[in-house]
Amino acid sequence: MAEEKKNFIESTKDYVGELRNEMRKVSWPNRQQVESTTFVVIFSVFAFAAYFEVVDTALGRMIKGVLNYFSK
């Protein structure tokens, strides 16, 4: 039991040490990069929402027209 605990503690220390080393290697974006990519994401979300609204409306009207045609 004591050996398992020691192995767990050692492996945890190794993991944290490796994690710190990897986090030092990360290149973090600056504020301007974050703002510009955020703008692109927000614009894209609204553009896709508008596109899907138009497609949904068009398909809904077409299906409704077909159903009305065959239900007469």
Protein backbone atom coordinates (compact mmCIF):
# COMPACT_ATOMS: atom_id res chain seq x y z
CA MET A 1 0.00 0.00 0.00
CA ALA A 2 2.81 2.42 0.90
CA GLU A 3 4.58 1.55 -2.37
CA GLU A 4 1.43 2.35 -4.40
CA LYS A 5 1.10 5.68 -2.61
CA LYS A 6 4.75 6.51 -3.32
CA ASN A 7 4.33 5.62 -7.00
CA PHE A 8 1.22 7.78 -7.21
CA ILE A 9 2.99 10.76 -5.63
CA GLU A 10 6.04 10.36 -7.89
CA SER A 11 3.95 10.01 -11.03
CA THR A 12 1.91 13.06 -10.04
CA LYS A 13 5.09 15.12 -9.51
CA ASP A 14 6.41 13.96 -12.89
CA TYR A 15 3.13 14.86 -14.57
CA VAL A 16 3.06 18.36 -13.06
CA GLY A 17 6.70 18.93 -14.02
CA GLU A 18 6.08 17.85 -17.61
CA LEU A 19 2.93 19.97 -17.73
CA ARG A 20 4.87 23.06 -16.65
CA ASN A 21 7.53 22.43 -19.30
CA GLU A 22 4.91 22.07 -22.03
CA MET A 23 3.03 25.20 -20.91
CA ARG A 24 6.27 27.20 -21.24
CA LYS A 25 6.47 26.12 -24.88
CA VAL A 26 2.98 27.40 -25.73
CA SER A 27 2.88 30.58 -27.81
CA TRP A 28 -0.01 32.61 -26.44
CA PRO A 29 -1.83 35.04 -28.75
CA ASN A 30 -1.67 38.76 -28.05
CA ARG A 31 -4.73 40.90 -27.44
CA GLN A 32 -5.03 42.04 -31.06
CA GLN A 33 -5.03 38.45 -32.32
CA VAL A 34 -7.69 37.44 -29.81
CA GLU A 35 -9.92 40.39 -30.72
CA SER A 36 -9.64 39.78 -34.46
CA THR A 37 -10.35 36.06 -34.24
CA THR A 38 -13.24 36.72 -31.87
CA PHE A 39 -14.73 39.14 -34.40
CA VAL A 40 -14.37 36.55 -37.17
CA VAL A 41 -16.11 33.89 -35.06
CA ILE A 42 -19.00 36.17 -34.08
CA PHE A 43 -19.46 37.36 -37.68
CA SER A 44 -19.37 33.76 -38.95
CA VAL A 45 -21.98 32.63 -36.43
CA PHE A 46 -24.40 35.38 -37.48
CA ALA A 47 -23.71 34.79 -41.19
CA PHE A 48 -24.42 31.06 -40.88
CA ALA A 49 -27.51 31.76 -38.79
CA ALA A 50 -28.87 34.08 -41.48
CA TYR A 51 -28.05 31.55 -44.21
CA PHE A 52 -29.77 28.71 -42.38
CA GLU A 53 -32.80 30.90 -41.68
CA VAL A 54 -33.17 31.65 -45.40
CA VAL A 55 -32.71 27.99 -46.37
CA ASP A 56 -35.12 26.82 -43.67
CA THR A 57 -37.78 29.32 -44.74
CA ALA A 58 -37.41 28.40 -48.41
CA LEU A 59 -37.58 24.67 -47.76
CA GLY A 60 -40.52 25.11 -45.39
CA ARG A 61 -42.49 27.02 -48.02
CA MET A 62 -41.65 24.46 -50.69
CA ILE A 63 -42.75 21.55 -48.52
CA LYS A 64 -45.91 23.38 -47.50
CA GLY A 65 -46.69 24.08 -51.16
CA VAL A 66 -46.17 20.43 -52.12
CA LEU A 67 -48.36 19.25 -49.26
CA ASN A 68 -51.09 21.75 -50.16
CA TYR A 69 -50.93 20.67 -53.81
CA PHE A 70 -51.39 16.98 -53.02
CA SER A 71 -53.97 17.49 -50.27
CA LYS A 72 -56.51 19.10 -52.61
